[in-house]
Amino acid sequence: TTFVSSPFTLPMVLPPRHLYSATIRNTTSRPITVSVTYESINNRKRQETEEIAAGKKHKFERRSFMTEGAEYAYNISSIKVRRGNALSINSSAPYVTSPTNHLTFDITERNGSLRLRST
């Protein structure tokens, strides 16, 4: 395969697939524990965990940090949902195709398995 380069053609750069905040709704009949991992451009990580009662929701807020006088945002790199020691799911939000400020997710249960679905 031969690629032709022209001084008028720039390489395509895709936007980052970042999610900055999320609301998790527990639509199941029992409490769940949700852990969200935030990651920054320099691989700083932080994790927040929240127990969400049946029928309730929790918003994981946008997080940022300051370094050398500049503010940088963390993006949500994974969402882990578990109930007790048995059921768990982990998602990296593959449906985010460009920087996204906020998404809402429903946790549902089907045939004994937890599911994470963006709404």
Foldseek 3Di string as FASTA:
>chain_A
DDDDDDPPDDDDDFADLFEFKEKEFEQDQAKKKKKWWWAWPVGDIDIDIDIAGHGGMDIGAWDWDDDPRDITTTGTQKMWMGDPPPAIDMDRPPVRRHYHHYWYWYWDADPRHTDIGTD
